Amino acid sequence: MIEALYEEIRARKEEPKEGSYTNYLFDQGLDKILKKVGEEATEVVIAAKNNQAELITETSDLIYHMLVLLVETGVSLEEIKTELKKREGKLSKTKERKQIDEL
């Protein structure tokens, strides 16, 4: 499903469709796309404190906007998969991570 959506977004960038929200984002540029990703990420955090239905809706919005960002910046899903595979099976030690208040 995510792959199909990514391909649809990529196709929309290559062949714009009048009135398309996706094309609106591409036309507005990277700063607008980044703003939307930030807004949606914040909404996911808030939704997680509210209810599951809202969390599902906001997570879907975030995934869509992240895919728009990937297409805009030329990052493929294969590159994301490759990076995730590099991390598979590795232990993450909490002592090696910065504390939240240090970020």
PDB file of N, CA and C in Angstrom:
ATOM      1  N   MET A   1       0.818  -1.200   0.000  1.00  0.00           N
ATOM      2  CA  MET A   1       0.000   0.000   0.000  1.00  0.00           C
ATOM      3  C   MET A   1       0.861   1.263   0.000  1.00  0.00           C
ATOM      4  N   ILE A   2       1.868   1.297   0.865  1.00  0.00           N
ATOM      5  CA  ILE A   2       2.737   2.474   0.936  1.00  0.00           C
ATOM      6  C   ILE A   2       3.517   2.633  -0.367  1.00  0.00           C
ATOM      7  N   GLU A   3       3.955   1.508  -0.933  1.00  0.00           N
ATOM      8  CA  GLU A   3       4.678   1.575  -2.209  1.00  0.00           C
ATOM      9  C   GLU A   3       3.788   2.148  -3.307  1.00  0.00           C
ATOM     10  N   ALA A   4       2.540   1.724  -3.342  1.00  0.00           N
ATOM     11  CA  ALA A   4       1.602   2.216  -4.364  1.00  0.00           C
ATOM     12  C   ALA A   4       1.347   3.712  -4.183  1.00  0.00           C
ATOM     13  N   LEU A   5       1.198   4.139  -2.947  1.00  0.00           N
ATOM     14  CA  LEU A   5       0.980   5.564  -2.687  1.00  0.00           C
ATOM     15  C   LEU A   5       2.204   6.381  -3.083  1.00  0.00           C
ATOM     16  N   TYR A   6       3.395   5.878  -2.756  1.00  0.00           N
ATOM     17  CA  TYR A   6       4.637   6.546  -3.152  1.00  0.00           C
ATOM     18  C   TYR A   6       4.684   6.709  -4.670  1.00  0.00           C
ATOM     19  N   GLU A   7       4.367   5.645  -5.388  1.00  0.00           N
ATOM     20  CA  GLU A   7       4.401   5.695  -6.852  1.00  0.00           C
ATOM     21  C   GLU A   7       3.358   6.670  -7.405  1.00  0.00           C
ATOM     22  N   GLU A   8       2.203   6.722  -6.776  1.00  0.00           N
ATOM     23  CA  GLU A   8       1.174   7.674  -7.206  1.00  0.00           C
ATOM     24  C   GLU A   8       1.647   9.114  -6.989  1.00  0.00           C
ATOM     25  N   ILE A   9       2.287   9.369  -5.869  1.00  0.00           N
ATOM     26  CA  ILE A   9       2.814  10.710  -5.579  1.00  0.00           C
ATOM     27  C   ILE A   9       3.916  11.058  -6.573  1.00  0.00           C
ATOM     28  N   ARG A  10       4.801  10.096  -6.844  1.00  0.00           N
ATOM     29  CA  ARG A  10       5.889  10.323  -7.804  1.00  0.00           C
ATOM     30  C   ARG A  10       5.332  10.617  -9.196  1.00  0.00           C
ATOM     31  N   ALA A  11       4.312   9.877  -9.579  1.00  0.00           N
ATOM     32  CA  ALA A  11       3.681  10.092 -10.886  1.00  0.00           C
ATOM     33  C   ALA A  11       3.026  11.466 -10.945  1.00  0.00           C
ATOM     34  N   ARG A  12       2.436  11.876  -9.848  1.00  0.00           N
ATOM     35  CA  ARG A  12       1.783  13.194  -9.799  1.00  0.00           C
ATOM     36  C   ARG A  12       2.812  14.313  -9.956  1.00  0.00           C
ATOM     37  N   LYS A  13       3.999  14.108  -9.412  1.00  0.00           N
ATOM     38  CA  LYS A  13       5.062  15.104  -9.572  1.00  0.00           C
ATOM     39  C   LYS A  13       5.494  15.197 -11.034  1.00  0.00           C
ATOM     40  N   GLU A  14       5.571  14.050 -11.686  1.00  0.00           N
ATOM     41  CA  GLU A  14       6.004  14.009 -13.080  1.00  0.00           C
ATOM     42  C   GLU A  14       4.910  14.471 -14.037  1.00  0.00           C
ATOM     43  N   GLU A  15       3.665  14.170 -13.696  1.00  0.00           N
ATOM     44  CA  GLU A  15       2.526  14.559 -14.535  1.00  0.00           C
ATOM     45  C   GLU A  15       1.480  15.236 -13.657  1.00  0.00           C
ATOM     46  N   PRO A  16       1.659  16.543 -13.423  1.00  0.00           N
ATOM     47  CA  PRO A  16       0.760  17.271 -12.531  1.00  0.00           C
ATOM     48  C   PRO A  16      -0.703  17.194 -12.972  1.00  0.00           C
ATOM     49  N   LYS A  17      -1.579  17.220 -11.980  1.00  0.00           N
ATOM     50  CA  LYS A  17      -3.013  17.208 -12.224  1.00  0.00           C
ATOM     51  C   LYS A  17      -3.595  18.469 -11.583  1.00  0.00           C
ATOM     52  N   GLU A  18      -4.297  19.242 -12.377  1.00  0.00           N
ATOM     53  CA  GLU A  18      -4.861  20.495 -11.885  1.00  0.00           C
ATOM     54  C   GLU A  18      -5.787  20.245 -10.698  1.00  0.00           C
ATOM     55  N   GLY A  19      -5.623  21.063  -9.665  1.00  0.00           N
ATOM     56  CA  GLY A  19      -6.460  20.961  -8.480  1.00  0.00           C
ATOM     57  C   GLY A  19      -5.988  19.923  -7.471  1.00  0.00           C
ATOM     58  N   SER A  20      -4.884  19.260  -7.756  1.00  0.00           N
ATOM     59  CA  SER A  20      -4.361  18.214  -6.883  1.00  0.00           C
ATOM     60  C   SER A  20      -3.663  18.812  -5.667  1.00  0.00           C
ATOM     61  N   TYR A  21      -4.015  18.323  -4.474  1.00  0.00           N
ATOM     62  CA  TYR A  21      -3.344  18.771  -3.254  1.00  0.00           C
ATOM     63  C   TYR A  21      -1.867  18.393  -3.296  1.00  0.00           C
ATOM     64  N   THR A  22      -1.572  17.221  -3.829  1.00  0.00           N
ATOM     65  CA  THR A  22      -0.180  16.789  -3.943  1.00  0.00           C
ATOM     66  C   THR A  22       0.604  17.768  -4.805  1.00  0.00           C
ATOM     67  N   ASN A  23       0.037  18.176  -5.928  1.00  0.00           N
ATOM     68  CA  ASN A  23       0.721  19.147  -6.778  1.00  0.00           C
ATOM     69  C   ASN A  23       0.807  20.511  -6.123  1.00  0.00           C
ATOM     70  N   TYR A  24      -0.183  20.871  -5.340  1.00  0.00           N
ATOM     71  CA  TYR A  24      -0.110  22.119  -4.566  1.00  0.00           C
ATOM     72  C   TYR A  24       1.133  22.096  -3.678  1.00  0.00           C
ATOM     73  N   LEU A  25       1.351  20.977  -2.987  1.00  0.00           N
ATOM     74  CA  LEU A  25       2.525  20.877  -2.115  1.00  0.00           C
ATOM     75  C   LEU A  25       3.819  20.985  -2.926  1.00  0.00           C
ATOM     76  N   PHE A  26       3.894  20.273  -4.042  1.00  0.00           N
ATOM     77  CA  PHE A  26       5.092  20.354  -4.883  1.00  0.00           C
ATOM     78  C   PHE A  26       5.298  21.774  -5.400  1.00  0.00           C
ATOM     79  N   ASP A  27       4.229  22.430  -5.799  1.00  0.00           N
ATOM     80  CA  ASP A  27       4.329  23.798  -6.311  1.00  0.00           C
ATOM     81  C   ASP A  27       4.807  24.769  -5.237  1.00  0.00           C
ATOM     82  N   GLN A  28       4.397  24.533  -4.000  1.00  0.00           N
ATOM     83  CA  GLN A  28       4.795  25.411  -2.898  1.00  0.00           C
ATOM     84  C   GLN A  28       6.251  25.193  -2.487  1.00  0.00           C
ATOM     85  N   GLY A  29       6.755  24.006  -2.733  1.00  0.00           N
ATOM     86  CA  GLY A  29       8.166  23.736  -2.486  1.00  0.00           C
ATOM     87  C   GLY A  29       8.478  23.059  -1.165  1.00  0.00           C
ATOM     88  N   LEU A  30       9.768  22.846  -0.970  1.00  0.00           N
ATOM     89  CA  LEU A  30      10.256  22.085   0.166  1.00  0.00           C
ATOM     90  C   LEU A  30       9.843  22.683   1.505  1.00  0.00           C
ATOM     91  N   ASP A  31       9.919  23.992   1.649  1.00  0.00           N
ATOM     92  CA  ASP A  31       9.564  24.596   2.940  1.00  0.00           C
ATOM     93  C   ASP A  31       8.128  24.293   3.338  1.00  0.00           C
ATOM     94  N   LYS A  32       7.211  24.337   2.401  1.00  0.00           N
ATOM     95  CA  LYS A  32       5.807  24.032   2.690  1.00  0.00           C
ATOM     96  C   LYS A  32       5.647  22.562   3.068  1.00  0.00           C
ATOM     97  N   ILE A  33       6.321  21.698   2.339  1.00  0.00           N
ATOM     98  CA  ILE A  33       6.244  20.270   2.627  1.00  0.00           C
ATOM     99  C   ILE A  33       6.803  19.990   4.024  1.00  0.00           C
ATOM    100  N   LEU A  34       7.928  20.594   4.354  1.00  0.00           N
ATOM    101  CA  LEU A  34       8.515  20.413   5.685  1.00  0.00           C
ATOM    102  C   LEU A  34       7.585  20.921   6.777  1.00  0.00           C
ATOM    103  N   LYS A  35       6.940  22.041   6.534  1.00  0.00           N
ATOM    104  CA  LYS A  35       5.987  22.583   7.504  1.00  0.00           C
ATOM    105  C   LYS A  35       4.854  21.597   7.742  1.00  0.00           C
ATOM    106  N   LYS A  36       4.328  21.012   6.662  1.00  0.00           N
ATOM    107  CA  LYS A  36       3.236  20.052   6.791  1.00  0.00           C
ATOM    108  C   LYS A  36       3.692  18.795   7.539  1.00  0.00           C
ATOM    109  N   VAL A  37       4.902  18.317   7.269  1.00  0.00           N
ATOM    110  CA  VAL A  37       5.415  17.142   7.981  1.00  0.00           C
ATOM    111  C   VAL A  37       5.504  17.454   9.474  1.00  0.00           C
ATOM    112  N   GLY A  38       6.010  18.626   9.810  1.00  0.00           N
ATOM    113  CA  GLY A  38       6.100  19.017  11.214  1.00  0.00           C
ATOM    114  C   GLY A  38       4.746  19.122  11.876  1.00  0.00           C
ATOM    115  N   GLU A  39       3.791  19.723  11.187  1.00  0.00           N
ATOM    116  CA  GLU A  39       2.434  19.844  11.727  1.00  0.00           C
ATOM    117  C   GLU A  39       1.817  18.469  11.962  1.00  0.00           C
ATOM    118  N   GLU A  40       1.967  17.592  10.983  1.00  0.00           N
ATOM    119  CA  GLU A  40       1.369  16.262  11.097  1.00  0.00           C
ATOM    120  C   GLU A  40       2.040  15.447  12.196  1.00  0.00           C
ATOM    121  N   ALA A  41       3.350  15.578  12.345  1.00  0.00           N
ATOM    122  CA  ALA A  41       4.055  14.861  13.415  1.00  0.00           C
ATOM    123  C   ALA A  41       3.537  15.305  14.783  1.00  0.00           C
ATOM    124  N   THR A  42       3.337  16.596  14.940  1.00  0.00           N
ATOM    125  CA  THR A  42       2.796  17.129  16.191  1.00  0.00           C
ATOM    126  C   THR A  42       1.390  16.604  16.432  1.00  0.00           C
ATOM    127  N   GLU A  43       0.593  16.558  15.377  1.00  0.00           N
ATOM    128  CA  GLU A  43      -0.785  16.056  15.506  1.00  0.00           C
ATOM    129  C   GLU A  43      -0.806  14.577  15.880  1.00  0.00           C
ATOM    130  N   VAL A  44       0.175  13.798  15.423  1.00  0.00           N
ATOM    131  CA  VAL A  44       0.267  12.392  15.815  1.00  0.00           C
ATOM    132  C   VAL A  44       0.529  12.286  17.317  1.00  0.00           C
ATOM    133  N   VAL A  45       1.419  13.112  17.818  1.00  0.00           N
ATOM    134  CA  VAL A  45       1.740  13.095  19.244  1.00  0.00           C
ATOM    135  C   VAL A  45       0.493  13.419  20.071  1.00  0.00           C
ATOM    136  N   ILE A  46      -0.219  14.437  19.671  1.00  0.00           N
ATOM    137  CA  ILE A  46      -1.437  14.830  20.390  1.00  0.00           C
ATOM    138  C   ILE A  46      -2.492  13.739  20.286  1.00  0.00           C
ATOM    139  N   ALA A  47      -2.662  13.186  19.098  1.00  0.00           N
ATOM    140  CA  ALA A  47      -3.669  12.140  18.887  1.00  0.00           C
ATOM    141  C   ALA A  47      -3.382  10.905  19.730  1.00  0.00           C
ATOM    142  N   ALA A  48      -2.114  10.604  19.935  1.00  0.00           N
ATOM    143  CA  ALA A  48      -1.753   9.432  20.734  1.00  0.00           C
ATOM    144  C   ALA A  48      -2.254   9.557  22.169  1.00  0.00           C
ATOM    145  N   LYS A  49      -2.457  10.783  22.614  1.00  0.00           N
ATOM    146  CA  LYS A  49      -2.974  11.017  23.963  1.00  0.00           C
ATOM    147  C   LYS A  49      -4.499  11.020  23.988  1.00  0.00           C
ATOM    148  N   ASN A  50      -5.121  11.055  22.818  1.00  0.00           N
ATOM    149  CA  ASN A  50      -6.579  11.167  22.751  1.00  0.00           C
ATOM    150  C   ASN A  50      -7.255   9.823  22.535  1.00  0.00           C
ATOM    151  N   ASN A  51      -7.323   9.384  21.299  1.00  0.00           N
ATOM    152  CA  ASN A  51      -7.984   8.106  21.039  1.00  0.00           C
ATOM    153  C   ASN A  51      -7.395   7.436  19.803  1.00  0.00           C
ATOM    154  N   GLN A  52      -7.670   6.163  19.676  1.00  0.00           N
ATOM    155  CA  GLN A  52      -7.075   5.368  18.604  1.00  0.00           C
ATOM    156  C   GLN A  52      -7.518   5.826  17.218  1.00  0.00           C
ATOM    157  N   ALA A  53      -8.788   6.177  17.056  1.00  0.00           N
ATOM    158  CA  ALA A  53      -9.280   6.605  15.739  1.00  0.00           C
ATOM    159  C   ALA A  53      -8.541   7.854  15.272  1.00  0.00           C
ATOM    160  N   GLU A  54      -8.347   8.793  16.162  1.00  0.00           N
ATOM    161  CA  GLU A  54      -7.620  10.021  15.817  1.00  0.00           C
ATOM    162  C   GLU A  54      -6.157   9.711  15.505  1.00  0.00           C
ATOM    163  N   LEU A  55      -5.568   8.800  16.263  1.00  0.00           N
ATOM    164  CA  LEU A  55      -4.181   8.406  16.014  1.00  0.00           C
ATOM    165  C   LEU A  55      -4.031   7.783  14.629  1.00  0.00           C
ATOM    166  N   ILE A  56      -4.973   6.951  14.234  1.00  0.00           N
ATOM    167  CA  ILE A  56      -4.933   6.327  12.911  1.00  0.00           C
ATOM    168  C   ILE A  56      -5.023   7.391  11.818  1.00  0.00           C
ATOM    169  N   THR A  57      -5.945   8.310  11.968  1.00  0.00           N
ATOM    170  CA  THR A  57      -6.120   9.379  10.983  1.00  0.00           C
ATOM    171  C   THR A  57      -4.858  10.234  10.858  1.00  0.00           C
ATOM    172  N   GLU A  58      -4.331  10.667  11.978  1.00  0.00           N
ATOM    173  CA  GLU A  58      -3.162  11.553  11.947  1.00  0.00           C
ATOM    174  C   GLU A  58      -1.900  10.829  11.482  1.00  0.00           C
ATOM    175  N   THR A  59      -1.764   9.562  11.828  1.00  0.00           N
ATOM    176  CA  THR A  59      -0.620   8.790  11.347  1.00  0.00           C
ATOM    177  C   THR A  59      -0.691   8.627   9.832  1.00  0.00           C
ATOM    178  N   SER A  60      -1.879   8.413   9.316  1.00  0.00           N
ATOM    179  CA  SER A  60      -2.056   8.322   7.857  1.00  0.00           C
ATOM    180  C   SER A  60      -1.660   9.624   7.186  1.00  0.00           C
ATOM    181  N   ASP A  61      -2.061  10.746   7.774  1.00  0.00           N
ATOM    182  CA  ASP A  61      -1.672  12.058   7.228  1.00  0.00           C
ATOM    183  C   ASP A  61      -0.154  12.224   7.242  1.00  0.00           C
ATOM    184  N   LEU A  62       0.483  11.824   8.344  1.00  0.00           N
ATOM    185  CA  LEU A  62       1.943  11.955   8.452  1.00  0.00           C
ATOM    186  C   LEU A  62       2.649  11.092   7.410  1.00  0.00           C
ATOM    187  N   ILE A  63       2.196   9.867   7.251  1.00  0.00           N
ATOM    188  CA  ILE A  63       2.826   8.982   6.261  1.00  0.00           C
ATOM    189  C   ILE A  63       2.707   9.573   4.861  1.00  0.00           C
ATOM    190  N   TYR A  64       1.527  10.075   4.519  1.00  0.00           N
ATOM    191  CA  TYR A  64       1.338  10.692   3.204  1.00  0.00           C
ATOM    192  C   TYR A  64       2.324  11.857   3.017  1.00  0.00           C
ATOM    193  N   HIS A  65       2.389  12.755   3.992  1.00  0.00           N
ATOM    194  CA  HIS A  65       3.265  13.929   3.854  1.00  0.00           C
ATOM    195  C   HIS A  65       4.745  13.530   3.856  1.00  0.00           C
ATOM    196  N   MET A  66       5.103  12.478   4.587  1.00  0.00           N
ATOM    197  CA  MET A  66       6.477  11.974   4.538  1.00  0.00           C
ATOM    198  C   MET A  66       6.804  11.443   3.150  1.00  0.00           C
ATOM    199  N   LEU A  67       5.851  10.759   2.536  1.00  0.00           N
ATOM    200  CA  LEU A  67       6.079  10.255   1.180  1.00  0.00           C
ATOM    201  C   LEU A  67       6.236  11.400   0.186  1.00  0.00           C
ATOM    202  N   VAL A  68       5.448  12.449   0.340  1.00  0.00           N
ATOM    203  CA  VAL A  68       5.615  13.637  -0.511  1.00  0.00           C
ATOM    204  C   VAL A  68       7.022  14.195  -0.324  1.00  0.00           C
ATOM    205  N   LEU A  69       7.487  14.266   0.913  1.00  0.00           N
ATOM    206  CA  LEU A  69       8.838  14.761   1.198  1.00  0.00           C
ATOM    207  C   LEU A  69       9.892  13.883   0.537  1.00  0.00           C
ATOM    208  N   LEU A  70       9.733  12.580   0.632  1.00  0.00           N
ATOM    209  CA  LEU A  70      10.707  11.682   0.005  1.00  0.00           C
ATOM    210  C   LEU A  70      10.754  11.883  -1.501  1.00  0.00           C
ATOM    211  N   VAL A  71       9.592  11.977  -2.134  1.00  0.00           N
ATOM    212  CA  VAL A  71       9.554  12.206  -3.583  1.00  0.00           C
ATOM    213  C   VAL A  71      10.199  13.549  -3.920  1.00  0.00           C
ATOM    214  N   GLU A  72       9.843  14.571  -3.175  1.00  0.00           N
ATOM    215  CA  GLU A  72      10.388  15.915  -3.446  1.00  0.00           C
ATOM    216  C   GLU A  72      11.910  15.939  -3.352  1.00  0.00           C
ATOM    217  N   THR A  73      12.462  15.191  -2.412  1.00  0.00           N
ATOM    218  CA  THR A  73      13.909  15.215  -2.201  1.00  0.00           C
ATOM    219  C   THR A  73      14.643  14.098  -2.949  1.00  0.00           C
ATOM    220  N   GLY A  74      13.893  13.282  -3.692  1.00  0.00           N
ATOM    221  CA  GLY A  74      14.523  12.244  -4.501  1.00  0.00           C
ATOM    222  C   GLY A  74      14.980  11.019  -3.726  1.00  0.00           C
ATOM    223  N   VAL A  75      14.386  10.786  -2.579  1.00  0.00           N
ATOM    224  CA  VAL A  75      14.723   9.606  -1.780  1.00  0.00           C
ATOM    225  C   VAL A  75      13.724   8.497  -2.114  1.00  0.00           C
ATOM    226  N   SER A  76      14.240   7.341  -2.469  1.00  0.00           N
ATOM    227  CA  SER A  76      13.363   6.228  -2.838  1.00  0.00           C
ATOM    228  C   SER A  76      13.000   5.395  -1.612  1.00  0.00           C
ATOM    229  N   LEU A  77      11.927   4.642  -1.737  1.00  0.00           N
ATOM    230  CA  LEU A  77      11.567   3.719  -0.667  1.00  0.00           C
ATOM    231  C   LEU A  77      12.622   2.633  -0.518  1.00  0.00           C
ATOM    232  N   GLU A  78      13.285   2.279  -1.604  1.00  0.00           N
ATOM    233  CA  GLU A  78      14.368   1.286  -1.532  1.00  0.00           C
ATOM    234  C   GLU A  78      15.487   1.781  -0.624  1.00  0.00           C
ATOM    235  N   GLU A  79      15.812   3.061  -0.705  1.00  0.00           N
ATOM    236  CA  GLU A  79      16.857   3.617   0.169  1.00  0.00           C
ATOM    237  C   GLU A  79      16.442   3.547   1.638  1.00  0.00           C
ATOM    238  N   ILE A  80      15.169   3.785   1.911  1.00  0.00           N
ATOM    239  CA  ILE A  80      14.661   3.694   3.280  1.00  0.00           C
ATOM    240  C   ILE A  80      14.716   2.236   3.746  1.00  0.00           C
ATOM    241  N   LYS A  81      14.287   1.318   2.887  1.00  0.00           N
ATOM    242  CA  LYS A  81      14.327  -0.104   3.233  1.00  0.00           C
ATOM    243  C   LYS A  81      15.761  -0.560   3.510  1.00  0.00           C
ATOM    244  N   THR A  82      16.698  -0.109   2.692  1.00  0.00           N
ATOM    245  CA  THR A  82      18.106  -0.470   2.872  1.00  0.00           C
ATOM    246  C   THR A  82      18.616   0.014   4.221  1.00  0.00           C
ATOM    247  N   GLU A  83      18.274   1.233   4.559  1.00  0.00           N
ATOM    248  CA  GLU A  83      18.703   1.787   5.853  1.00  0.00           C
ATOM    249  C   GLU A  83      18.096   1.005   7.015  1.00  0.00           C
ATOM    250  N   LEU A  84      16.827   0.674   6.908  1.00  0.00           N
ATOM    251  CA  LEU A  84      16.173  -0.087   7.974  1.00  0.00           C
ATOM    252  C   LEU A  84      16.774  -1.484   8.104  1.00  0.00           C
ATOM    253  N   LYS A  85      17.123  -2.095   6.974  1.00  0.00           N
ATOM    254  CA  LYS A  85      17.744  -3.423   7.014  1.00  0.00           C
ATOM    255  C   LYS A  85      19.099  -3.370   7.712  1.00  0.00           C
ATOM    256  N   LYS A  86      19.848  -2.279   7.538  1.00  0.00           N
ATOM    257  CA  LYS A  86      21.141  -2.131   8.214  1.00  0.00           C
ATOM    258  C   LYS A  86      20.962  -2.163   9.727  1.00  0.00           C
ATOM    259  N   ARG A  87      19.821  -1.699  10.190  1.00  0.00           N
ATOM    260  CA  ARG A  87      19.568  -1.601  11.626  1.00  0.00           C
ATOM    261  C   ARG A  87      18.982  -2.877  12.217  1.00  0.00           C
ATOM    262  N   GLU A  88      18.506  -3.750  11.356  1.00  0.00           N
ATOM    263  CA  GLU A  88      17.841  -4.968  11.806  1.00  0.00           C
ATOM    264  C   GLU A  88      18.772  -5.818  12.653  1.00  0.00           C
ATOM    265  N   GLY A  89      18.280  -6.228  13.809  1.00  0.00           N
ATOM    266  CA  GLY A  89      19.040  -7.103  14.677  1.00  0.00           C
ATOM    267  C   GLY A  89      20.078  -6.421  15.539  1.00  0.00           C
ATOM    268  N   LYS A  90      20.244  -5.119  15.381  1.00  0.00           N
ATOM    269  CA  LYS A  90      21.216  -4.406  16.207  1.00  0.00           C
ATOM    270  C   LYS A  90      20.571  -4.017  17.524  1.00  0.00           C
ATOM    271  N   LEU A  91      21.326  -4.155  18.567  1.00  0.00           N
ATOM    272  CA  LEU A  91      20.846  -3.729  19.876  1.00  0.00           C
ATOM    273  C   LEU A  91      21.073  -2.241  20.034  1.00  0.00           C
ATOM    274  N   SER A  92      20.116  -1.590  20.575  1.00  0.00           N
ATOM    275  CA  SER A  92      20.244  -0.167  20.857  1.00  0.00           C
ATOM    276  C   SER A  92      20.375  -0.018  22.366  1.00  0.00           C
ATOM    277  N   LYS A  93      21.467   0.549  22.780  1.00  0.00           N
ATOM    278  CA  LYS A  93      21.696   0.715  24.206  1.00  0.00           C
ATOM    279  C   LYS A  93      21.243   2.109  24.624  1.00  0.00           C
ATOM    280  N   THR A  94      20.345   2.144  25.584  1.00  0.00           N
ATOM    281  CA  THR A  94      19.805   3.437  26.005  1.00  0.00           C
ATOM    282  C   THR A  94      20.890   4.350  26.562  1.00  0.00           C
ATOM    283  N   LYS A  95      21.932   3.782  27.130  1.00  0.00           N
ATOM    284  CA  LYS A  95      22.993   4.633  27.687  1.00  0.00           C
ATOM    285  C   LYS A  95      23.751   5.383  26.595  1.00  0.00           C
ATOM    286  N   GLU A  96      23.671   4.891  25.348  1.00  0.00           N
ATOM    287  CA  GLU A  96      24.351   5.556  24.239  1.00  0.00           C
ATOM    288  C   GLU A  96      23.506   6.661  23.617  1.00  0.00           C
ATOM    289  N   ARG A  97      22.269   6.765  24.031  1.00  0.00           N
ATOM    290  CA  ARG A  97      21.362   7.761  23.467  1.00  0.00           C
ATOM    291  C   ARG A  97      21.294   8.990  24.355  1.00  0.00           C
ATOM    292  N   LYS A  98      21.129  10.135  23.713  1.00  0.00           N
ATOM    293  CA  LYS A  98      20.957  11.370  24.471  1.00  0.00           C
ATOM    294  C   LYS A  98      19.630  11.323  25.219  1.00  0.00           C
ATOM    295  N   GLN A  99      19.605  11.930  26.370  1.00  0.00           N
ATOM    296  CA  GLN A  99      18.387  12.075  27.114  1.00  0.00           C
ATOM    297  C   GLN A  99      17.488  13.073  26.395  1.00  0.00           C
ATOM    298  N   ILE A 100      16.194  12.941  26.571  1.00  0.00           N
ATOM    299  CA  ILE A 100      15.225  13.832  25.919  1.00  0.00           C
ATOM    300  C   ILE A 100      15.571  15.296  26.187  1.00  0.00           C
ATOM    301  N   ASP A 101      15.921  15.617  27.412  1.00  0.00           N
ATOM    302  CA  ASP A 101      16.204  17.011  27.748  1.00  0.00           C
ATOM    303  C   ASP A 101      17.528  17.512  27.184  1.00  0.00           C
ATOM    304  N   GLU A 102      18.321  16.612  26.573  1.00  0.00           N
ATOM    305  CA  GLU A 102      19.584  17.008  25.951  1.00  0.00           C
ATOM    306  C   GLU A 102      19.448  17.223  24.447  1.00  0.00           C
ATOM    307  N   LEU A 103      18.272  16.925  23.898  1.00  0.00           N
ATOM    308  CA  LEU A 103      18.080  17.044  22.443  1.00  0.00           C
ATOM    309  C   LEU A 103      17.874  18.484  22.038  1.00  0.00           C
TER     310      LEU A 103
END
